[in-house]
N, C-alpha and C. Protein backbone atom coordinates (compact mmCIF):
# COMPACT_ATOMS: atom_id res chain seq x y z
N VAL A 1 3.10 26.25 4.41
CA VAL A 1 3.19 26.44 2.98
C VAL A 1 1.78 26.52 2.42
N ILE A 2 1.58 27.41 1.49
CA ILE A 2 0.29 27.55 0.84
C ILE A 2 0.38 26.91 -0.53
N THR A 3 -0.59 26.10 -0.86
CA THR A 3 -0.57 25.42 -2.15
C THR A 3 -1.95 25.47 -2.77
N GLY A 4 -2.04 25.10 -4.02
CA GLY A 4 -3.32 25.08 -4.71
C GLY A 4 -3.25 25.88 -6.00
N SER A 5 -4.36 25.98 -6.69
CA SER A 5 -4.36 26.64 -7.99
C SER A 5 -4.02 28.12 -7.88
N GLN A 6 -4.26 28.75 -6.71
CA GLN A 6 -3.92 30.16 -6.54
C GLN A 6 -2.41 30.35 -6.36
N TYR A 7 -1.70 29.30 -6.03
CA TYR A 7 -0.27 29.38 -5.75
C TYR A 7 0.49 28.33 -6.58
N PRO A 8 0.50 28.49 -7.90
CA PRO A 8 1.10 27.45 -8.74
C PRO A 8 2.62 27.44 -8.72
N HIS A 9 3.24 28.35 -7.98
CA HIS A 9 4.70 28.42 -7.97
C HIS A 9 5.35 27.29 -7.17
N LEU A 10 4.58 26.55 -6.41
CA LEU A 10 5.16 25.43 -5.66
C LEU A 10 5.30 24.24 -6.60
N PRO A 11 6.53 23.81 -6.85
CA PRO A 11 6.75 22.74 -7.83
C PRO A 11 6.37 21.36 -7.32
N TYR A 12 6.13 20.48 -8.25
CA TYR A 12 5.94 19.05 -7.97
C TYR A 12 4.80 18.78 -6.98
N GLY A 13 3.72 19.51 -7.14
CA GLY A 13 2.58 19.33 -6.26
C GLY A 13 2.01 17.92 -6.30
N ASP A 14 2.28 17.22 -7.38
CA ASP A 14 1.82 15.83 -7.49
C ASP A 14 2.76 14.86 -6.78
N ARG A 15 3.93 15.34 -6.33
CA ARG A 15 4.91 14.48 -5.67
C ARG A 15 5.20 14.88 -4.23
N ILE A 16 5.05 16.17 -3.93
CA ILE A 16 5.40 16.68 -2.61
C ILE A 16 4.13 17.09 -1.87
N PRO A 17 3.88 16.53 -0.70
CA PRO A 17 2.72 16.95 0.09
C PRO A 17 3.04 18.26 0.82
N TRP A 18 2.90 19.38 0.12
CA TRP A 18 3.34 20.66 0.65
C TRP A 18 2.67 21.03 1.96
N LEU A 19 1.48 20.53 2.21
CA LEU A 19 0.79 20.88 3.46
C LEU A 19 1.49 20.28 4.69
N GLU A 20 2.41 19.34 4.47
CA GLU A 20 3.20 18.78 5.57
C GLU A 20 4.27 19.76 6.05
N PHE A 21 4.64 20.70 5.19
CA PHE A 21 5.73 21.63 5.49
C PHE A 21 5.17 22.95 6.03
N PRO A 22 5.96 23.62 6.86
CA PRO A 22 5.50 24.90 7.40
C PRO A 22 5.57 26.02 6.36
N GLU A 23 4.73 27.01 6.53
CA GLU A 23 4.82 28.21 5.71
C GLU A 23 5.95 29.05 6.29
N VAL A 24 6.83 29.54 5.43
CA VAL A 24 7.99 30.30 5.88
C VAL A 24 8.03 31.61 5.11
N SER A 25 8.22 32.69 5.82
CA SER A 25 8.36 34.00 5.21
C SER A 25 9.79 34.16 4.68
N GLU A 26 9.91 34.40 3.38
CA GLU A 26 11.24 34.60 2.81
C GLU A 26 11.91 35.83 3.42
N GLU A 27 11.13 36.86 3.68
CA GLU A 27 11.68 38.07 4.29
C GLU A 27 12.25 37.77 5.68
N ALA A 28 11.50 36.98 6.46
CA ALA A 28 11.98 36.62 7.80
C ALA A 28 13.26 35.80 7.72
N ILE A 29 13.34 34.91 6.76
CA ILE A 29 14.56 34.10 6.58
C ILE A 29 15.74 35.01 6.26
N LEU A 30 15.52 36.00 5.38
CA LEU A 30 16.61 36.90 5.02
C LEU A 30 17.04 37.77 6.20
N ASN A 31 16.07 38.20 7.01
CA ASN A 31 16.38 39.13 8.10
C ASN A 31 16.80 38.43 9.39
N GLU A 32 16.20 37.29 9.68
CA GLU A 32 16.43 36.62 10.96
C GLU A 32 16.58 35.12 10.75
N GLY A 33 17.28 34.73 9.71
CA GLY A 33 17.35 33.34 9.29
C GLY A 33 17.54 32.30 10.37
N TRP A 34 18.58 32.46 11.17
CA TRP A 34 18.89 31.44 12.16
C TRP A 34 17.75 31.30 13.18
N GLN A 35 17.21 32.42 13.65
CA GLN A 35 16.15 32.37 14.65
C GLN A 35 14.87 31.76 14.06
N VAL A 36 14.56 32.08 12.83
CA VAL A 36 13.37 31.51 12.18
C VAL A 36 13.51 30.00 12.09
N LEU A 37 14.67 29.53 11.68
CA LEU A 37 14.90 28.09 11.58
C LEU A 37 14.85 27.43 12.95
N GLN A 38 15.45 28.04 13.94
CA GLN A 38 15.41 27.49 15.30
C GLN A 38 13.97 27.32 15.77
N ASN A 39 13.14 28.35 15.54
CA ASN A 39 11.74 28.28 15.94
C ASN A 39 11.01 27.15 15.22
N LEU A 40 11.28 26.99 13.94
CA LEU A 40 10.64 25.91 13.18
C LEU A 40 11.06 24.55 13.71
N PHE A 41 12.35 24.37 13.94
CA PHE A 41 12.85 23.08 14.41
C PHE A 41 12.29 22.71 15.78
N GLN A 42 12.03 23.70 16.60
CA GLN A 42 11.50 23.44 17.94
C GLN A 42 10.02 23.05 17.91
N GLN A 43 9.33 23.41 16.83
CA GLN A 43 7.89 23.12 16.73
C GLN A 43 7.60 21.64 16.50
N TYR A 44 8.55 20.92 15.91
CA TYR A 44 8.30 19.55 15.48
C TYR A 44 9.04 18.54 16.34
N ASN A 45 8.39 17.41 16.56
CA ASN A 45 9.05 16.32 17.26
C ASN A 45 9.94 15.56 16.28
N GLU A 46 10.71 14.63 16.78
CA GLU A 46 11.68 13.91 15.93
C GLU A 46 11.00 13.12 14.82
N GLU A 47 9.83 12.55 15.10
CA GLU A 47 9.12 11.77 14.07
C GLU A 47 8.70 12.66 12.90
N LYS A 48 8.19 13.86 13.20
CA LYS A 48 7.79 14.80 12.15
C LYS A 48 9.01 15.24 11.34
N LYS A 49 10.12 15.52 12.02
CA LYS A 49 11.35 15.92 11.32
C LYS A 49 11.84 14.80 10.42
N LYS A 50 11.77 13.58 10.92
CA LYS A 50 12.20 12.42 10.13
C LYS A 50 11.34 12.28 8.88
N ASN A 51 10.04 12.48 9.01
CA ASN A 51 9.13 12.40 7.87
C ASN A 51 9.45 13.48 6.83
N LEU A 52 9.68 14.71 7.27
CA LEU A 52 10.00 15.79 6.34
C LEU A 52 11.33 15.53 5.64
N ARG A 53 12.32 15.03 6.38
CA ARG A 53 13.61 14.70 5.76
C ARG A 53 13.45 13.59 4.72
N SER A 54 12.59 12.64 5.00
CA SER A 54 12.34 11.54 4.07
C SER A 54 11.74 12.06 2.76
N ILE A 55 10.78 12.95 2.89
CA ILE A 55 10.16 13.55 1.69
C ILE A 55 11.22 14.29 0.88
N MET A 56 12.02 15.10 1.55
CA MET A 56 13.06 15.87 0.85
C MET A 56 14.09 14.95 0.21
N ASP A 57 14.46 13.87 0.89
CA ASP A 57 15.44 12.94 0.35
C ASP A 57 14.93 12.25 -0.91
N LYS A 58 13.65 11.88 -0.91
CA LYS A 58 13.06 11.22 -2.08
C LYS A 58 13.05 12.15 -3.29
N MET A 59 12.97 13.45 -3.04
CA MET A 59 12.88 14.43 -4.13
C MET A 59 14.22 15.04 -4.51
N ARG A 60 15.28 14.62 -3.84
CA ARG A 60 16.59 15.26 -4.02
C ARG A 60 16.99 15.42 -5.49
N SER A 61 16.90 14.38 -6.28
CA SER A 61 17.35 14.49 -7.67
C SER A 61 16.40 15.32 -8.52
N GLY A 62 15.23 15.60 -8.01
CA GLY A 62 14.27 16.44 -8.74
C GLY A 62 14.65 17.90 -8.78
N TRP A 63 15.64 18.31 -8.00
CA TRP A 63 16.09 19.70 -8.00
C TRP A 63 17.32 19.87 -8.86
N ILE A 64 17.81 18.79 -9.45
CA ILE A 64 19.06 18.82 -10.21
C ILE A 64 18.76 18.68 -11.70
N TYR A 65 19.22 19.65 -12.48
CA TYR A 65 19.06 19.56 -13.94
C TYR A 65 20.18 18.74 -14.56
N GLY A 66 21.38 18.88 -14.06
CA GLY A 66 22.51 18.13 -14.60
C GLY A 66 23.79 18.48 -13.87
N TRP A 67 24.82 17.70 -14.14
CA TRP A 67 26.12 17.91 -13.51
C TRP A 67 27.14 18.28 -14.58
N GLY A 68 28.09 19.09 -14.21
CA GLY A 68 29.16 19.43 -15.14
C GLY A 68 28.76 20.49 -16.14
N ASN A 69 29.40 20.46 -17.29
CA ASN A 69 29.16 21.43 -18.35
C ASN A 69 27.73 21.28 -18.86
N PRO A 70 26.94 22.36 -18.84
CA PRO A 70 25.55 22.24 -19.26
C PRO A 70 25.37 21.91 -20.75
N VAL A 71 26.41 22.14 -21.55
CA VAL A 71 26.31 21.86 -22.98
C VAL A 71 26.67 20.42 -23.30
N THR A 72 27.70 19.88 -22.64
CA THR A 72 28.20 18.57 -23.02
C THR A 72 27.86 17.45 -22.03
N SER A 73 27.34 17.80 -20.87
CA SER A 73 27.08 16.80 -19.84
C SER A 73 26.00 15.81 -20.27
N GLU A 74 26.23 14.57 -19.97
CA GLU A 74 25.22 13.54 -20.19
C GLU A 74 24.71 12.99 -18.87
N LYS A 75 25.16 13.61 -17.76
CA LYS A 75 24.72 13.22 -16.42
C LYS A 75 23.58 14.15 -16.02
N LEU A 76 22.38 13.66 -16.11
CA LEU A 76 21.22 14.49 -15.86
C LEU A 76 20.53 14.12 -14.55
N GLY A 77 19.97 15.12 -13.91
CA GLY A 77 19.12 14.90 -12.74
C GLY A 77 17.70 14.65 -13.23
N ASP A 78 16.77 14.64 -12.30
CA ASP A 78 15.38 14.36 -12.65
C ASP A 78 14.51 15.60 -12.79
N ALA A 79 15.09 16.80 -12.68
CA ALA A 79 14.29 18.02 -12.70
C ALA A 79 13.43 18.13 -13.96
N ALA A 80 14.02 17.95 -15.11
CA ALA A 80 13.25 18.10 -16.36
C ALA A 80 12.11 17.09 -16.44
N ALA A 81 12.40 15.85 -16.09
CA ALA A 81 11.35 14.82 -16.14
C ALA A 81 10.25 15.12 -15.13
N TYR A 82 10.62 15.54 -13.92
CA TYR A 82 9.62 15.85 -12.89
C TYR A 82 8.74 17.02 -13.32
N ILE A 83 9.36 18.02 -13.96
CA ILE A 83 8.59 19.19 -14.42
C ILE A 83 7.57 18.76 -15.47
N TRP A 84 7.99 17.97 -16.45
CA TRP A 84 7.05 17.50 -17.47
C TRP A 84 5.94 16.65 -16.85
N GLU A 85 6.30 15.78 -15.92
CA GLU A 85 5.29 14.94 -15.26
C GLU A 85 4.31 15.79 -14.45
N SER A 86 4.80 16.87 -13.84
CA SER A 86 3.92 17.77 -13.10
C SER A 86 2.95 18.47 -14.04
N PHE A 87 3.44 18.91 -15.21
CA PHE A 87 2.55 19.52 -16.21
C PHE A 87 1.48 18.54 -16.65
N GLU A 88 1.92 17.32 -16.94
CA GLU A 88 0.98 16.30 -17.39
C GLU A 88 -0.08 16.03 -16.32
N SER A 89 0.34 15.93 -15.08
CA SER A 89 -0.59 15.68 -13.98
C SER A 89 -1.58 16.84 -13.83
N ALA A 90 -1.08 18.08 -13.92
CA ALA A 90 -1.95 19.25 -13.80
C ALA A 90 -2.96 19.31 -14.94
N LEU A 91 -2.51 19.01 -16.16
CA LEU A 91 -3.43 19.02 -17.30
C LEU A 91 -4.49 17.93 -17.18
N THR A 92 -4.09 16.77 -16.70
CA THR A 92 -5.05 15.67 -16.50
C THR A 92 -6.09 16.06 -15.46
N ARG A 93 -5.65 16.67 -14.36
CA ARG A 93 -6.60 17.12 -13.33
C ARG A 93 -7.54 18.17 -13.89
N ALA A 94 -7.02 19.10 -14.69
CA ALA A 94 -7.85 20.15 -15.26
C ALA A 94 -8.87 19.55 -16.24
N GLU A 95 -8.44 18.60 -17.06
CA GLU A 95 -9.36 17.96 -17.99
C GLU A 95 -10.45 17.20 -17.24
N ASN A 96 -10.08 16.49 -16.19
CA ASN A 96 -11.06 15.74 -15.41
C ASN A 96 -12.04 16.68 -14.70
N ALA A 97 -11.56 17.84 -14.27
CA ALA A 97 -12.43 18.79 -13.59
C ALA A 97 -13.47 19.36 -14.54
N THR A 98 -13.10 19.56 -15.82
CA THR A 98 -14.06 20.11 -16.77
C THR A 98 -15.08 19.07 -17.22
N LEU A 99 -14.73 17.79 -17.06
CA LEU A 99 -15.66 16.74 -17.45
C LEU A 99 -16.74 16.48 -16.41
N VAL A 100 -16.50 16.93 -15.19
CA VAL A 100 -17.44 16.67 -14.10
C VAL A 100 -18.55 17.69 -14.09
């Protein structure tokens, strides 16, 4: 995975250590999905896989905006809060960088 200011499309950079995850070609996934995944899974030992699963599990609710009817639901995930916190973190880093 490529991350940094040139690639701001990766969400939650302040929460997810993206460099722990492999870079994956979306085109390859669409064309040869199963084989691409098999190759990735074979590259990592069980400890590495366990660590990646742990990271994903901790972030699970961060991908959910809400459950049920989007207008009336009061059951919310953490996506909105995580997005705002990511903005705040990015702005703080940018402000600190200009002060140095």
